[in-house]
């Protein structure tokens, strides 16, 4: 089992959607070229970026029109902790650490669309 950071987003149907972040960074936005695509009209085309290092996870707002929030506070840059609530425009999610089996690891795509 490997552990990866994961964004858990409440989908439009009310069911949570997991987005495992396998690389060192992930872009988030409405545009399909992002690593995590959120198709909400209030989410900017290129809304935010998450950078993962050995010892920290950092979130950067990319000049979004409708702001990025961490635990309710508007941020431009923030060091994240697992369990933090992130909001991109009106889309809420949480950052968790998730264990992924070897079979799941091979099946997780690099780019995800909500």
Protein backbone atom coordinates (compact mmCIF):
# COMPACT_ATOMS: atom_id res chain seq x y z
CA UNK A 1 0.00 0.00 0.00
CA UNK A 2 1.15 3.50 -0.86
CA UNK A 3 -0.23 6.68 0.68
CA UNK A 4 -1.09 9.72 -1.42
CA UNK A 5 -2.68 13.10 -0.77
CA UNK A 6 -6.28 13.07 -1.98
CA UNK A 7 -8.89 15.78 -2.56
CA UNK A 8 -12.36 14.57 -1.66
CA UNK A 9 -14.94 16.71 -3.44
CA UNK A 10 -18.68 16.67 -2.83
CA UNK A 11 -20.09 15.91 -6.29
CA UNK A 12 -23.24 17.42 -7.78
CA UNK A 13 -25.17 14.27 -6.83
CA UNK A 14 -24.03 14.64 -3.22
CA UNK A 15 -21.63 11.71 -3.41
CA UNK A 16 -17.98 12.35 -2.57
CA UNK A 17 -15.49 12.06 -5.43
CA UNK A 18 -11.87 11.16 -4.64
CA UNK A 19 -9.03 12.74 -6.60
CA UNK A 20 -5.76 11.03 -5.72
CA UNK A 21 -2.72 13.26 -6.30
CA UNK A 22 0.06 10.94 -7.43
CA UNK A 23 2.65 13.46 -8.62
CA UNK A 24 4.56 16.33 -7.03
CA UNK A 25 1.94 18.86 -8.09
CA UNK A 26 -1.62 19.13 -9.33
CA UNK A 27 -3.47 21.96 -11.02
CA UNK A 28 -7.14 22.56 -10.27
CA UNK A 29 -9.62 24.40 -12.44
CA UNK A 30 -12.50 24.33 -14.89
CA UNK A 31 -10.32 23.77 -17.97
CA UNK A 32 -9.91 20.07 -18.95
CA UNK A 33 -6.13 20.53 -19.18
CA UNK A 34 -5.94 20.71 -15.36
CA UNK A 35 -4.93 17.65 -13.37
CA UNK A 36 -8.22 17.97 -11.47
CA UNK A 37 -11.01 19.45 -13.58
CA UNK A 38 -14.00 20.87 -11.69
CA UNK A 39 -16.78 21.76 -14.09
CA UNK A 40 -18.40 24.48 -12.06
CA UNK A 41 -18.91 27.82 -13.88
CA UNK A 42 -17.62 29.80 -10.87
CA UNK A 43 -14.32 27.88 -10.73
CA UNK A 44 -11.66 29.68 -12.80
CA UNK A 45 -10.13 27.96 -15.83
CA UNK A 46 -6.86 27.70 -13.90
CA UNK A 47 -7.92 28.20 -10.29
CA UNK A 48 -5.20 26.77 -8.02
CA UNK A 49 -2.13 24.57 -7.78
CA UNK A 50 -1.05 22.14 -5.08
CA UNK A 51 2.66 21.45 -4.65
CA UNK A 52 3.71 18.37 -2.67
CA UNK A 53 7.18 18.04 -1.15
CA UNK A 54 8.56 15.45 1.22
CA UNK A 55 7.45 17.41 4.27
CA UNK A 56 4.58 19.67 3.21
CA UNK A 57 1.61 20.30 0.95
CA UNK A 58 1.25 23.89 -0.28
CA UNK A 59 -1.74 25.43 -2.04
CA UNK A 60 -1.39 28.42 -4.39
CA UNK A 61 -4.33 30.43 -5.74
CA UNK A 62 -3.64 31.28 -9.40
CA UNK A 63 -5.43 34.64 -9.40
CA UNK A 64 -8.90 33.08 -9.42
CA UNK A 65 -11.91 35.37 -9.77
CA UNK A 66 -13.93 33.69 -7.01
CA UNK A 67 -11.13 32.98 -4.53
CA UNK A 68 -9.64 29.96 -2.85
CA UNK A 69 -10.34 29.33 0.82
CA UNK A 70 -8.74 27.09 3.42
CA UNK A 71 -10.91 26.42 6.45
CA UNK A 72 -13.06 29.42 5.46
CA UNK A 73 -10.18 31.91 5.11
CA UNK A 74 -9.33 33.42 1.70
CA UNK A 75 -5.73 32.51 0.78
CA UNK A 76 -3.22 33.26 -1.93
CA UNK A 77 -0.80 30.67 -0.55
CA UNK A 78 -1.21 28.26 2.35
CA UNK A 79 0.54 25.27 3.87
CA UNK A 80 -2.09 22.55 4.14
CA UNK A 81 -2.70 19.86 6.74
CA UNK A 82 -4.66 16.69 6.20
CA UNK A 83 -8.25 17.32 7.25
CA UNK A 84 -8.26 20.94 5.99
CA UNK A 85 -11.39 22.08 4.14
CA UNK A 86 -10.63 23.71 0.78
CA UNK A 87 -13.13 25.76 -1.21
CA UNK A 88 -12.66 26.67 -4.87
CA UNK A 89 -15.35 29.29 -5.61
CA UNK A 90 -18.36 27.38 -4.18
CA UNK A 91 -16.96 23.85 -4.51
CA UNK A 92 -15.97 22.36 -1.14
CA UNK A 93 -13.52 19.56 -0.62
CA UNK A 94 -11.14 18.22 1.99
CA UNK A 95 -7.53 17.13 1.83
CA UNK A 96 -6.94 13.65 3.20
CA UNK A 97 -4.17 11.10 3.10
CA UNK A 98 -5.38 7.93 1.45
CA UNK A 99 -3.89 4.45 1.18
CA UNK A 100 -3.93 2.99 -2.32
CA UNK A 101 -3.31 -0.67 -3.11
CA UNK A 102 -0.86 -1.62 -5.84
CA UNK A 103 -3.73 -2.57 -8.17
CA UNK A 104 -5.54 0.73 -7.51
CA UNK A 105 -2.26 2.63 -7.92
CA UNK A 106 -1.88 1.31 -11.46
CA UNK A 107 -5.50 2.18 -12.29
CA UNK A 108 -5.57 5.79 -11.01
CA UNK A 109 -5.35 8.19 -13.99
CA UNK A 110 -3.07 11.21 -13.93
CA UNK A 111 -5.85 13.64 -14.94
CA UNK A 112 -9.27 13.55 -13.29
CA UNK A 113 -12.53 15.26 -14.23
CA UNK A 114 -15.50 15.96 -11.98
